[in-house]
């Protein structure tokens, strides 16, 4: 009776690594979800900027129409001093808004967060009867200068308090404040410099 002996090693049984495949699927799902959330956030932010830009453009157009109407009245009759001051203030406001719109359009979306936050904080800091004409932020969104008109010189104290409360003078100190009587209103210019840190 013959006996056959197989000296070759047995073929290994292939075992599928289902755990590694499930981990791959989980990572793919998480990555896709994060990408979708980031894309939705960016899209919502871009739409918000476009809406704000459109609102400012509409406001600018309304102010220009109002100024044109006042100018027509001035041409047809001798304008009183108060109406002339209103026309001058509207003209300054249009120029300031055009400068702000141009600056907003030139700033890249990724770099626009800090600028918009600082600009909105500056708008909130202005007293009710004040008009913002110009402002300057240095690198790091530090407030260097702000100028405009106020109803009373006492409003300067309210403006300074609002700037501090809104965090615009957190690392700054007031360098100079000047006011000038411009008829029915007072023009002001406020300058600030970086606060020196003691070592």
N, C-alpha and C. Protein backbone atom coordinates (compact mmCIF):
# COMPACT_ATOMS: atom_id res chain seq x y z
N UNK A 1 0.85 -1.18 0.00
CA UNK A 1 0.00 0.00 0.00
C UNK A 1 0.89 1.24 0.00
N UNK A 2 0.62 2.12 -1.07
CA UNK A 2 1.45 3.32 -1.20
C UNK A 2 0.87 4.46 -0.37
N UNK A 3 1.77 5.20 0.19
CA UNK A 3 1.36 6.38 0.99
C UNK A 3 1.99 7.63 0.38
N UNK A 4 1.18 8.61 0.08
CA UNK A 4 1.66 9.87 -0.55
C UNK A 4 1.81 10.94 0.52
N UNK A 5 2.98 11.50 0.57
CA UNK A 5 3.26 12.58 1.54
C UNK A 5 3.52 13.87 0.77
N UNK A 6 2.76 14.88 1.08
CA UNK A 6 2.90 16.21 0.44
C UNK A 6 3.89 17.04 1.25
N UNK A 7 5.08 17.26 0.66
CA UNK A 7 6.11 18.04 1.35
C UNK A 7 5.98 19.55 1.14
N UNK A 8 5.07 19.97 0.23
CA UNK A 8 4.90 21.41 0.00
C UNK A 8 4.10 22.03 1.14
N UNK A 9 4.43 23.31 1.49
CA UNK A 9 3.66 23.97 2.57
C UNK A 9 2.24 24.26 2.12
N UNK A 10 1.34 24.25 3.06
CA UNK A 10 -0.06 24.53 2.73
C UNK A 10 -0.22 25.98 2.29
N UNK A 11 -1.11 26.19 1.32
CA UNK A 11 -1.35 27.54 0.83
C UNK A 11 -1.99 28.39 1.92
N UNK A 12 -1.45 29.60 2.13
CA UNK A 12 -2.04 30.45 3.19
C UNK A 12 -3.44 30.90 2.81
N UNK A 13 -4.26 30.97 3.80
CA UNK A 13 -5.64 31.43 3.59
C UNK A 13 -5.67 32.96 3.65
N UNK A 14 -6.17 33.59 2.59
CA UNK A 14 -6.23 35.06 2.54
C UNK A 14 -7.38 35.56 3.39
N UNK A 15 -7.05 36.47 4.31
CA UNK A 15 -8.06 37.04 5.20
C UNK A 15 -8.17 38.53 4.89
N UNK A 16 -9.33 38.95 4.55
CA UNK A 16 -9.56 40.37 4.22
C UNK A 16 -9.57 41.19 5.51
N UNK A 17 -8.84 42.29 5.44
CA UNK A 17 -8.76 43.19 6.61
C UNK A 17 -9.91 44.20 6.55
N UNK A 18 -11.06 43.74 7.06
CA UNK A 18 -12.24 44.63 7.01
C UNK A 18 -12.09 45.84 7.94
N UNK A 19 -11.30 45.71 9.00
CA UNK A 19 -11.10 46.84 9.93
C UNK A 19 -10.42 48.01 9.24
N UNK A 20 -9.35 47.72 8.46
CA UNK A 20 -8.65 48.80 7.74
C UNK A 20 -9.56 49.46 6.72
N UNK A 21 -10.39 48.66 6.04
CA UNK A 21 -11.30 49.23 5.04
C UNK A 21 -12.34 50.13 5.70
N UNK A 22 -12.86 49.71 6.86
CA UNK A 22 -13.85 50.53 7.57
C UNK A 22 -13.22 51.84 8.05
N UNK A 23 -11.97 51.78 8.51
CA UNK A 23 -11.27 53.01 8.94
C UNK A 23 -11.11 53.97 7.77
N UNK A 24 -10.79 53.40 6.60
CA UNK A 24 -10.63 54.24 5.40
C UNK A 24 -11.95 54.93 5.05
N UNK A 25 -13.06 54.15 5.11
CA UNK A 25 -14.36 54.75 4.82
C UNK A 25 -14.72 55.84 5.82
N UNK A 26 -14.40 55.61 7.09
CA UNK A 26 -14.71 56.61 8.13
C UNK A 26 -13.91 57.88 7.90
N UNK A 27 -12.62 57.74 7.60
CA UNK A 27 -11.79 58.93 7.34
C UNK A 27 -12.29 59.68 6.11
N UNK A 28 -12.69 58.93 5.06
CA UNK A 28 -13.20 59.57 3.85
C UNK A 28 -14.48 60.34 4.13
N UNK A 29 -15.35 59.77 4.97
CA UNK A 29 -16.61 60.44 5.32
C UNK A 29 -16.35 61.70 6.13
N UNK A 30 -15.44 61.62 7.11
CA UNK A 30 -15.12 62.79 7.94
C UNK A 30 -14.51 63.90 7.09
N UNK A 31 -13.58 63.54 6.20
CA UNK A 31 -12.94 64.55 5.34
C UNK A 31 -13.96 65.23 4.43
N UNK A 32 -14.87 64.45 3.86
CA UNK A 32 -15.90 65.02 2.99
C UNK A 32 -16.81 65.97 3.76
N UNK A 33 -17.18 65.57 4.99
CA UNK A 33 -18.05 66.42 5.81
C UNK A 33 -17.38 67.74 6.16
N UNK A 34 -16.10 67.68 6.55
CA UNK A 34 -15.36 68.91 6.89
C UNK A 34 -15.26 69.83 5.68
N UNK A 35 -14.98 69.26 4.51
CA UNK A 35 -14.88 70.08 3.29
C UNK A 35 -16.21 70.74 2.97
N UNK A 36 -17.33 69.99 3.12
CA UNK A 36 -18.64 70.57 2.84
C UNK A 36 -18.97 71.70 3.81
N UNK A 37 -18.67 71.49 5.11
CA UNK A 37 -18.93 72.54 6.11
C UNK A 37 -18.10 73.79 5.82
N UNK A 38 -16.80 73.59 5.47
CA UNK A 38 -15.94 74.74 5.17
C UNK A 38 -16.44 75.48 3.94
N UNK A 39 -16.87 74.74 2.91
CA UNK A 39 -17.37 75.39 1.70
C UNK A 39 -18.65 76.16 1.98
N UNK A 40 -19.54 75.59 2.80
CA UNK A 40 -20.79 76.30 3.14
C UNK A 40 -20.51 77.56 3.94
N UNK A 41 -19.56 77.48 4.88
CA UNK A 41 -19.20 78.66 5.68
C UNK A 41 -18.62 79.76 4.80
N UNK A 42 -17.71 79.39 3.91
CA UNK A 42 -17.11 80.38 3.01
C UNK A 42 -18.15 81.01 2.10
N UNK A 43 -19.08 80.19 1.60
CA UNK A 43 -20.12 80.71 0.72
C UNK A 43 -21.03 81.69 1.46
N UNK A 44 -21.39 81.35 2.70
CA UNK A 44 -22.23 82.24 3.50
C UNK A 44 -21.51 83.54 3.80
N UNK A 45 -20.21 83.47 4.11
CA UNK A 45 -19.44 84.68 4.41
C UNK A 45 -19.33 85.57 3.17
N UNK A 46 -19.08 84.95 2.01
CA UNK A 46 -18.96 85.73 0.78
C UNK A 46 -20.28 86.41 0.44
N UNK A 47 -21.41 85.70 0.64
CA UNK A 47 -22.71 86.31 0.40
C UNK A 47 -22.97 87.48 1.35
N UNK A 48 -22.53 87.34 2.60
CA UNK A 48 -22.69 88.44 3.56
C UNK A 48 -21.92 89.67 3.14
N UNK A 49 -20.69 89.48 2.64
CA UNK A 49 -19.90 90.63 2.17
C UNK A 49 -20.55 91.28 0.96
N UNK A 50 -21.07 90.46 0.04
CA UNK A 50 -21.71 91.02 -1.15
C UNK A 50 -22.96 91.81 -0.77
N UNK A 51 -23.74 91.30 0.20
CA UNK A 51 -24.94 92.01 0.63
C UNK A 51 -24.59 93.33 1.30
N UNK A 52 -23.56 93.32 2.14
CA UNK A 52 -23.13 94.56 2.80
C UNK A 52 -22.62 95.58 1.79
N UNK A 53 -21.87 95.11 0.80
CA UNK A 53 -21.36 96.00 -0.24
C UNK A 53 -22.53 96.62 -1.02
N UNK A 54 -23.55 95.82 -1.31
CA UNK A 54 -24.71 96.32 -2.04
C UNK A 54 -25.46 97.35 -1.22
N UNK A 55 -25.59 97.11 0.10
CA UNK A 55 -26.27 98.08 0.96
C UNK A 55 -25.53 99.41 0.99
N UNK A 56 -24.19 99.35 1.10
CA UNK A 56 -23.41 100.59 1.13
C UNK A 56 -23.53 101.33 -0.21
N UNK A 57 -23.53 100.58 -1.31
CA UNK A 57 -23.67 101.21 -2.63
C UNK A 57 -25.02 101.90 -2.75
N UNK A 58 -26.08 101.24 -2.26
CA UNK A 58 -27.42 101.84 -2.32
C UNK A 58 -27.48 103.10 -1.46
N UNK A 59 -26.90 103.04 -0.27
CA UNK A 59 -26.88 104.23 0.60
C UNK A 59 -26.11 105.37 -0.05
N UNK A 60 -24.99 105.04 -0.67
CA UNK A 60 -24.18 106.05 -1.35
C UNK A 60 -24.98 106.70 -2.47
N UNK A 61 -25.74 105.90 -3.24
CA UNK A 61 -26.54 106.44 -4.33
C UNK A 61 -27.64 107.34 -3.80
N UNK A 62 -28.27 106.96 -2.69
CA UNK A 62 -29.32 107.79 -2.10
C UNK A 62 -28.77 109.13 -1.62
N UNK A 63 -27.57 109.08 -1.02
CA UNK A 63 -26.96 110.33 -0.56
C UNK A 63 -26.62 111.23 -1.74
N UNK A 64 -26.12 110.64 -2.83
CA UNK A 64 -25.80 111.43 -4.02
C UNK A 64 -27.06 112.06 -4.61
N UNK A 65 -28.17 111.32 -4.62
CA UNK A 65 -29.43 111.88 -5.13
C UNK A 65 -29.90 113.02 -4.26
N UNK A 66 -29.77 112.87 -2.94
CA UNK A 66 -30.17 113.94 -2.03
C UNK A 66 -29.30 115.18 -2.24
N UNK A 67 -28.00 114.97 -2.44
CA UNK A 67 -27.11 116.10 -2.66
C UNK A 67 -27.43 116.79 -3.98
N UNK A 68 -27.79 116.04 -5.02
CA UNK A 68 -28.15 116.64 -6.30
C UNK A 68 -29.41 117.49 -6.17
N UNK A 69 -30.38 116.98 -5.39
CA UNK A 69 -31.62 117.74 -5.19
C UNK A 69 -31.34 119.04 -4.44
N UNK A 70 -30.48 118.97 -3.41
CA UNK A 70 -30.14 120.18 -2.67
C UNK A 70 -29.36 121.16 -3.54
N UNK A 71 -28.50 120.65 -4.40
CA UNK A 71 -27.75 121.52 -5.30
C UNK A 71 -28.67 122.24 -6.26
N UNK A 72 -29.71 121.54 -6.74
CA UNK A 72 -30.68 122.18 -7.64
C UNK A 72 -31.42 123.31 -6.94
N UNK A 73 -31.75 123.08 -5.67
CA UNK A 73 -32.41 124.15 -4.91
C UNK A 73 -31.50 125.35 -4.73
N UNK A 74 -30.21 125.09 -4.54
CA UNK A 74 -29.26 126.19 -4.36
C UNK A 74 -29.12 127.00 -5.64
N UNK A 75 -29.21 126.35 -6.80
CA UNK A 75 -29.08 127.07 -8.06
C UNK A 75 -30.29 127.94 -8.34
N UNK A 76 -31.48 127.50 -7.91
CA UNK A 76 -32.71 128.24 -8.21
C UNK A 76 -32.94 129.43 -7.26
N UNK A 77 -32.34 129.42 -6.12
CA UNK A 77 -32.51 130.53 -5.18
C UNK A 77 -31.29 130.62 -4.29
N UNK A 78 -31.19 131.71 -3.58
CA UNK A 78 -30.07 131.93 -2.68
C UNK A 78 -30.27 131.04 -1.45
N UNK A 79 -29.35 130.13 -1.24
CA UNK A 79 -29.50 129.15 -0.17
C UNK A 79 -29.13 129.75 1.17
N UNK A 80 -29.87 129.42 2.23
CA UNK A 80 -29.49 129.87 3.57
C UNK A 80 -28.24 129.14 4.04
N UNK A 81 -27.64 129.65 5.11
CA UNK A 81 -26.39 129.08 5.61
C UNK A 81 -26.57 127.64 6.06
N UNK A 82 -27.67 127.31 6.70
CA UNK A 82 -27.89 125.95 7.20
C UNK A 82 -27.95 124.95 6.05
N UNK A 83 -28.62 125.32 4.93
CA UNK A 83 -28.70 124.42 3.79
C UNK A 83 -27.33 124.22 3.15
N UNK A 84 -26.53 125.28 3.11
CA UNK A 84 -25.17 125.15 2.56
C UNK A 84 -24.34 124.20 3.40
N UNK A 85 -24.48 124.29 4.73
CA UNK A 85 -23.74 123.38 5.60
C UNK A 85 -24.18 121.94 5.40
N UNK A 86 -25.49 121.73 5.18
CA UNK A 86 -25.98 120.37 4.93
C UNK A 86 -25.40 119.81 3.64
N UNK A 87 -25.34 120.64 2.60
CA UNK A 87 -24.76 120.18 1.33
C UNK A 87 -23.29 119.83 1.52
N UNK A 88 -22.55 120.67 2.26
CA UNK A 88 -21.13 120.39 2.48
C UNK A 88 -20.94 119.11 3.27
N UNK A 89 -21.77 118.90 4.30
CA UNK A 89 -21.67 117.67 5.09
C UNK A 89 -21.99 116.44 4.25
N UNK A 90 -23.03 116.55 3.40
CA UNK A 90 -23.38 115.41 2.54
C UNK A 90 -22.25 115.11 1.56
N UNK A 91 -21.61 116.17 1.04
CA UNK A 91 -20.49 115.96 0.13
C UNK A 91 -19.33 115.24 0.81
N UNK A 92 -19.02 115.65 2.02
CA UNK A 92 -17.96 114.99 2.77
C UNK A 92 -18.33 113.54 3.08
N UNK A 93 -19.59 113.31 3.39
CA UNK A 93 -20.03 111.95 3.69
C UNK A 93 -19.93 111.06 2.46
N UNK A 94 -20.29 111.60 1.28
CA UNK A 94 -20.19 110.83 0.03
C UNK A 94 -18.74 110.46 -0.25
N UNK A 95 -17.83 111.43 -0.08
CA UNK A 95 -16.41 111.16 -0.32
C UNK A 95 -15.89 110.09 0.64
N UNK A 96 -16.27 110.20 1.92
CA UNK A 96 -15.82 109.22 2.90
C UNK A 96 -16.36 107.82 2.59
N UNK A 97 -17.63 107.75 2.17
CA UNK A 97 -18.23 106.45 1.85
C UNK A 97 -17.58 105.86 0.60
N UNK A 98 -17.26 106.71 -0.39
CA UNK A 98 -16.59 106.20 -1.59
C UNK A 98 -15.22 105.65 -1.25
N UNK A 99 -14.50 106.34 -0.36
CA UNK A 99 -13.19 105.84 0.05
C UNK A 99 -13.31 104.52 0.79
N UNK A 100 -14.33 104.40 1.66
CA UNK A 100 -14.52 103.16 2.40
C UNK A 100 -14.92 102.02 1.47
N UNK A 101 -15.77 102.31 0.46
CA UNK A 101 -16.16 101.28 -0.48
C UNK A 101 -14.96 100.82 -1.30
N UNK A 102 -14.12 101.79 -1.73
CA UNK A 102 -12.94 101.43 -2.50
C UNK A 102 -11.99 100.58 -1.68
N UNK A 103 -11.82 100.95 -0.40
CA UNK A 103 -10.93 100.17 0.46
C UNK A 103 -11.49 98.77 0.70
N UNK A 104 -12.82 98.67 0.87
CA UNK A 104 -13.43 97.36 1.10
C UNK A 104 -13.29 96.46 -0.12
N UNK A 105 -13.38 97.06 -1.33
CA UNK A 105 -13.29 96.26 -2.55
C UNK A 105 -11.88 95.77 -2.80
N UNK A 106 -10.88 96.50 -2.32
CA UNK A 106 -9.49 96.14 -2.58
C UNK A 106 -8.95 95.12 -1.58
N UNK A 107 -9.58 94.99 -0.43
CA UNK A 107 -9.09 94.06 0.59
C UNK A 107 -9.55 92.64 0.25
N UNK A 108 -8.65 91.69 0.29
CA UNK A 108 -8.97 90.30 -0.02
C UNK A 108 -9.90 89.74 1.04
N UNK A 109 -10.77 88.79 0.62
CA UNK A 109 -11.78 88.26 1.54
C UNK A 109 -11.14 87.62 2.76
N UNK A 110 -10.02 86.90 2.56
CA UNK A 110 -9.39 86.22 3.69
C UNK A 110 -8.79 87.20 4.68
N UNK A 111 -8.47 88.43 4.21
CA UNK A 111 -7.88 89.43 5.10
C UNK A 111 -8.90 90.45 5.56
N UNK A 112 -10.18 90.22 5.22
CA UNK A 112 -11.19 91.24 5.44
C UNK A 112 -11.86 91.13 6.80
N UNK A 113 -11.71 90.01 7.49
CA UNK A 113 -12.39 89.82 8.78
C UNK A 113 -12.01 90.89 9.78
N UNK A 114 -10.69 91.06 10.02
CA UNK A 114 -10.22 92.01 11.02
C UNK A 114 -10.59 93.44 10.64
N UNK A 115 -10.48 93.77 9.35
CA UNK A 115 -10.80 95.13 8.91
C UNK A 115 -12.27 95.44 9.14
N UNK A 116 -13.16 94.52 8.78
CA UNK A 116 -14.59 94.75 8.96
C UNK A 116 -14.94 94.86 10.44
N UNK A 117 -14.36 94.00 11.25
CA UNK A 117 -14.63 94.07 12.70
C UNK A 117 -14.21 95.41 13.27
N UNK A 118 -13.01 95.88 12.87
CA UNK A 118 -12.53 97.17 13.37
C UNK A 118 -13.38 98.32 12.85
N UNK A 119 -13.78 98.24 11.58
CA UNK A 119 -14.60 99.30 10.99
C UNK A 119 -15.98 99.37 11.66
N UNK A 120 -16.60 98.21 11.88
CA UNK A 120 -17.91 98.18 12.54
C UNK A 120 -17.80 98.68 13.98
N UNK A 121 -16.71 98.33 14.67
CA UNK A 121 -16.50 98.84 16.03
C UNK A 121 -16.35 100.35 16.03
N UNK A 122 -15.68 100.88 15.01
CA UNK A 122 -15.52 102.34 14.90
C UNK A 122 -16.87 103.01 14.65
N UNK A 123 -17.70 102.40 13.79
CA UNK A 123 -19.03 102.96 13.55
C UNK A 123 -19.87 102.96 14.82
N UNK A 124 -19.79 101.88 15.59
CA UNK A 124 -20.55 101.82 16.85
C UNK A 124 -20.06 102.84 17.87
N UNK A 125 -18.81 103.25 17.76
CA UNK A 125 -18.23 104.17 18.73
C UNK A 125 -18.64 105.62 18.48
N UNK A 126 -19.10 105.92 17.26
CA UNK A 126 -19.44 107.31 16.94
C UNK A 126 -20.71 107.72 17.67
N UNK A 127 -20.74 108.89 18.33
CA UNK A 127 -21.97 109.38 18.95
C UNK A 127 -23.07 109.57 17.91
N UNK A 128 -24.31 109.71 18.38
CA UNK A 128 -25.46 109.76 17.48
C UNK A 128 -25.38 110.92 16.48
N UNK A 129 -24.95 112.10 16.94
CA UNK A 129 -24.93 113.29 16.07
C UNK A 129 -23.60 113.45 15.34
N UNK A 130 -22.70 112.49 15.45
CA UNK A 130 -21.37 112.61 14.84
C UNK A 130 -21.39 112.04 13.42
N UNK A 131 -20.49 112.59 12.58
CA UNK A 131 -20.31 112.10 11.21
C UNK A 131 -18.85 111.69 11.04
N UNK A 132 -18.65 110.44 10.57
CA UNK A 132 -17.31 109.93 10.31
C UNK A 132 -16.87 110.36 8.92
N UNK A 133 -15.71 111.04 8.82
CA UNK A 133 -15.21 111.51 7.54
C UNK A 133 -14.00 110.72 7.06
N UNK A 134 -13.10 110.37 7.94
CA UNK A 134 -11.92 109.59 7.54
C UNK A 134 -11.38 108.85 8.75
N UNK A 135 -10.63 107.78 8.47
CA UNK A 135 -10.00 107.01 9.53
C UNK A 135 -8.78 106.31 8.96
N UNK A 136 -7.91 105.86 9.85
CA UNK A 136 -6.68 105.18 9.43
C UNK A 136 -6.35 104.08 10.41
N UNK A 137 -6.18 102.86 9.90
CA UNK A 137 -5.74 101.73 10.69
C UNK A 137 -4.35 101.31 10.22
N UNK A 138 -3.47 101.04 11.14
CA UNK A 138 -2.14 100.54 10.79
C UNK A 138 -2.16 99.02 10.78
N UNK A 139 -1.01 98.41 10.49
CA UNK A 139 -0.91 96.95 10.45
C UNK A 139 -1.30 96.37 11.79
N UNK A 140 -2.13 95.33 11.76
CA UNK A 140 -2.64 94.76 12.99
C UNK A 140 -3.95 95.39 13.43
N UNK A 141 -4.55 96.22 12.55
CA UNK A 141 -5.82 96.91 12.80
C UNK A 141 -5.77 97.78 14.05
N UNK A 142 -4.65 98.53 14.21
CA UNK A 142 -4.57 99.50 15.29
C UNK A 142 -5.06 100.85 14.78
N UNK A 143 -5.92 101.49 15.54
CA UNK A 143 -6.48 102.78 15.15
C UNK A 143 -5.43 103.87 15.32
N UNK A 144 -5.05 104.50 14.19
CA UNK A 144 -4.06 105.57 14.23
C UNK A 144 -4.71 106.95 14.21
N UNK A 145 -5.80 107.10 13.46
CA UNK A 145 -6.40 108.42 13.33
C UNK A 145 -7.86 108.28 12.92
N UNK A 146 -8.70 109.17 13.44
CA UNK A 146 -10.10 109.25 13.05
C UNK A 146 -10.50 110.71 13.03
N UNK A 147 -11.27 111.11 12.02
CA UNK A 147 -11.69 112.50 11.87
C UNK A 147 -13.15 112.54 11.45
N UNK A 148 -13.82 113.65 11.83
CA UNK A 148 -15.22 113.80 11.47
C UNK A 148 -15.79 115.07 12.07
N UNK A 149 -17.11 115.09 12.24
CA UNK A 149 -17.78 116.25 12.82
C UNK A 149 -18.66 115.80 13.98
N UNK A 150 -18.80 116.67 14.97
CA UNK A 150 -19.64 116.41 16.13
C UNK A 150 -20.49 117.64 16.41
N UNK A 151 -21.59 117.44 17.14
CA UNK A 151 -22.48 118.56 17.44
C UNK A 151 -21.89 119.46 18.52
N UNK A 152 -21.27 118.86 19.53
CA UNK A 152 -20.73 119.60 20.66
C UNK A 152 -19.33 119.07 21.00
N UNK A 153 -18.43 119.94 21.47
CA UNK A 153 -17.10 119.47 21.87
C UNK A 153 -17.16 118.41 22.97
N UNK A 154 -18.22 118.45 23.80
CA UNK A 154 -18.33 117.46 24.88
C UNK A 154 -18.50 116.05 24.35
N UNK A 155 -18.92 115.91 23.07
CA UNK A 155 -19.08 114.58 22.50
C UNK A 155 -17.75 113.86 22.31
N UNK A 156 -16.64 114.59 22.37
CA UNK A 156 -15.32 113.95 22.25
C UNK A 156 -15.10 112.96 23.39
N UNK A 157 -15.54 113.35 24.60
CA UNK A 157 -15.39 112.44 25.75
C UNK A 157 -16.19 111.16 25.54
N UNK A 158 -17.40 111.28 24.99
CA UNK A 158 -18.21 110.10 24.70
C UNK A 158 -17.54 109.23 23.64
N UNK A 159 -16.96 109.88 22.63
CA UNK A 159 -16.29 109.14 21.56
C UNK A 159 -15.10 108.34 22.12
N UNK A 160 -14.29 108.98 22.97
CA UNK A 160 -13.14 108.29 23.56
C UNK A 160 -13.57 107.11 24.41
N UNK A 161 -14.62 107.30 25.20
CA UNK A 161 -15.12 106.21 26.04
C UNK A 161 -15.62 105.05 25.19
N UNK A 162 -16.32 105.38 24.09
CA UNK A 162 -16.84 104.32 23.21
C UNK A 162 -15.70 103.58 22.53
N UNK A 163 -14.66 104.30 22.11
CA UNK A 163 -13.51 103.65 21.46
C UNK A 163 -12.84 102.66 22.41
N UNK A 164 -12.70 103.07 23.68
CA UNK A 164 -12.09 102.17 24.67
C UNK A 164 -12.97 100.96 24.94
N UNK A 165 -14.29 101.20 25.07
CA UNK A 165 -15.20 100.10 25.36
C UNK A 165 -15.27 99.09 24.22
N UNK A 166 -15.08 99.55 22.99
CA UNK A 166 -15.14 98.67 21.82
C UNK A 166 -13.78 98.07 21.47
N UNK A 167 -12.77 98.31 22.31
CA UNK A 167 -11.47 97.65 22.14
C UNK A 167 -10.57 98.27 21.09
N UNK A 168 -10.88 99.47 20.59
CA UNK A 168 -10.06 100.09 19.56
C UNK A 168 -8.84 100.81 20.14
N UNK A 169 -8.82 101.03 21.43
CA UNK A 169 -7.68 101.68 22.08
C UNK A 169 -7.03 100.74 23.09
N UNK A 170 -7.17 99.43 22.85
CA UNK A 170 -6.65 98.45 23.79
C UNK A 170 -5.14 98.54 23.91
N UNK A 171 -4.46 98.70 22.78
CA UNK A 171 -3.00 98.79 22.76
C UNK A 171 -2.53 100.19 22.34
N UNK A 172 -3.44 101.16 22.37
CA UNK A 172 -3.13 102.50 21.90
C UNK A 172 -3.28 103.50 23.05
N UNK A 173 -2.65 104.65 22.86
CA UNK A 173 -2.87 105.77 23.77
C UNK A 173 -3.06 107.03 22.92
N UNK A 174 -3.89 107.95 23.42
CA UNK A 174 -4.22 109.15 22.67
C UNK A 174 -2.99 110.05 22.58
N UNK A 175 -2.66 110.44 21.35
CA UNK A 175 -1.52 111.34 21.13
C UNK A 175 -1.99 112.79 21.06
N UNK A 176 -3.10 113.05 20.38
CA UNK A 176 -3.61 114.41 20.26
C UNK A 176 -5.08 114.39 19.90
N UNK A 177 -5.79 115.44 20.33
CA UNK A 177 -7.19 115.64 19.99
C UNK A 177 -7.36 117.11 19.65
N UNK A 178 -7.91 117.41 18.48
CA UNK A 178 -8.12 118.80 18.07
C UNK A 178 -9.55 118.98 17.59
N UNK A 179 -10.16 120.13 17.90
CA UNK A 179 -11.51 120.47 17.45
C UNK A 179 -11.49 121.86 16.85
N UNK A 180 -12.41 122.10 15.92
CA UNK A 180 -12.50 123.40 15.27
C UNK A 180 -13.96 123.69 14.95
N UNK A 181 -14.39 124.91 15.28
CA UNK A 181 -15.77 125.31 15.02
C UNK A 181 -15.96 125.50 13.51
N UNK A 182 -16.91 124.74 12.94
CA UNK A 182 -17.18 124.83 11.50
C UNK A 182 -18.61 125.29 11.25
N UNK A 183 -19.07 126.23 12.04
CA UNK A 183 -20.44 126.73 11.88
C UNK A 183 -21.38 126.06 12.85
N UNK A 184 -22.27 125.20 12.31
CA UNK A 184 -23.23 124.50 13.17
C UNK A 184 -22.64 123.26 13.82
N UNK A 185 -21.50 122.82 13.36
CA UNK A 185 -20.86 121.62 13.90
C UNK A 185 -19.41 121.92 14.21
N UNK A 186 -18.76 120.96 14.87
CA UNK A 186 -17.34 121.06 15.20
C UNK A 186 -16.59 119.94 14.49
N UNK A 187 -15.54 120.31 13.78
CA UNK A 187 -14.67 119.30 13.16
C UNK A 187 -13.66 118.83 14.20
N UNK A 188 -13.37 117.54 14.17
CA UNK A 188 -12.40 116.99 15.14
C UNK A 188 -11.45 116.04 14.43
N UNK A 189 -10.25 115.93 14.99
CA UNK A 189 -9.26 114.96 14.54
C UNK A 189 -8.62 114.34 15.78
N UNK A 190 -8.63 113.02 15.84
CA UNK A 190 -8.09 112.28 16.98
C UNK A 190 -6.98 111.37 16.49
N UNK A 191 -5.81 111.49 17.12
CA UNK A 191 -4.66 110.67 16.75
C UNK A 191 -4.25 109.79 17.93
N UNK A 192 -3.82 108.55 17.61
CA UNK A 192 -3.39 107.61 18.65
C UNK A 192 -2.11 106.94 18.23
N UNK A 193 -1.32 106.51 19.20
CA UNK A 193 -0.05 105.82 18.93
C UNK A 193 -0.01 104.56 19.78
N UNK A 194 0.87 103.64 19.39
CA UNK A 194 1.02 102.40 20.14
C UNK A 194 1.54 102.69 21.54
N UNK A 195 0.96 102.02 22.53
CA UNK A 195 1.39 102.20 23.91
C UNK A 195 2.72 101.49 24.13
N UNK A 196 3.65 102.17 24.76
CA UNK A 196 4.97 101.57 25.04
C UNK A 196 4.83 100.54 26.15
N UNK A 197 5.46 99.41 25.94
CA UNK A 197 5.43 98.33 26.93
C UNK A 197 6.71 98.38 27.75
N UNK A 198 6.54 98.49 29.09
CA UNK A 198 7.71 98.53 29.96
C UNK A 198 8.33 97.14 30.08
N UNK A 199 9.63 97.07 29.94
CA UNK A 199 10.36 95.80 30.06
C UNK A 199 11.15 95.72 31.36
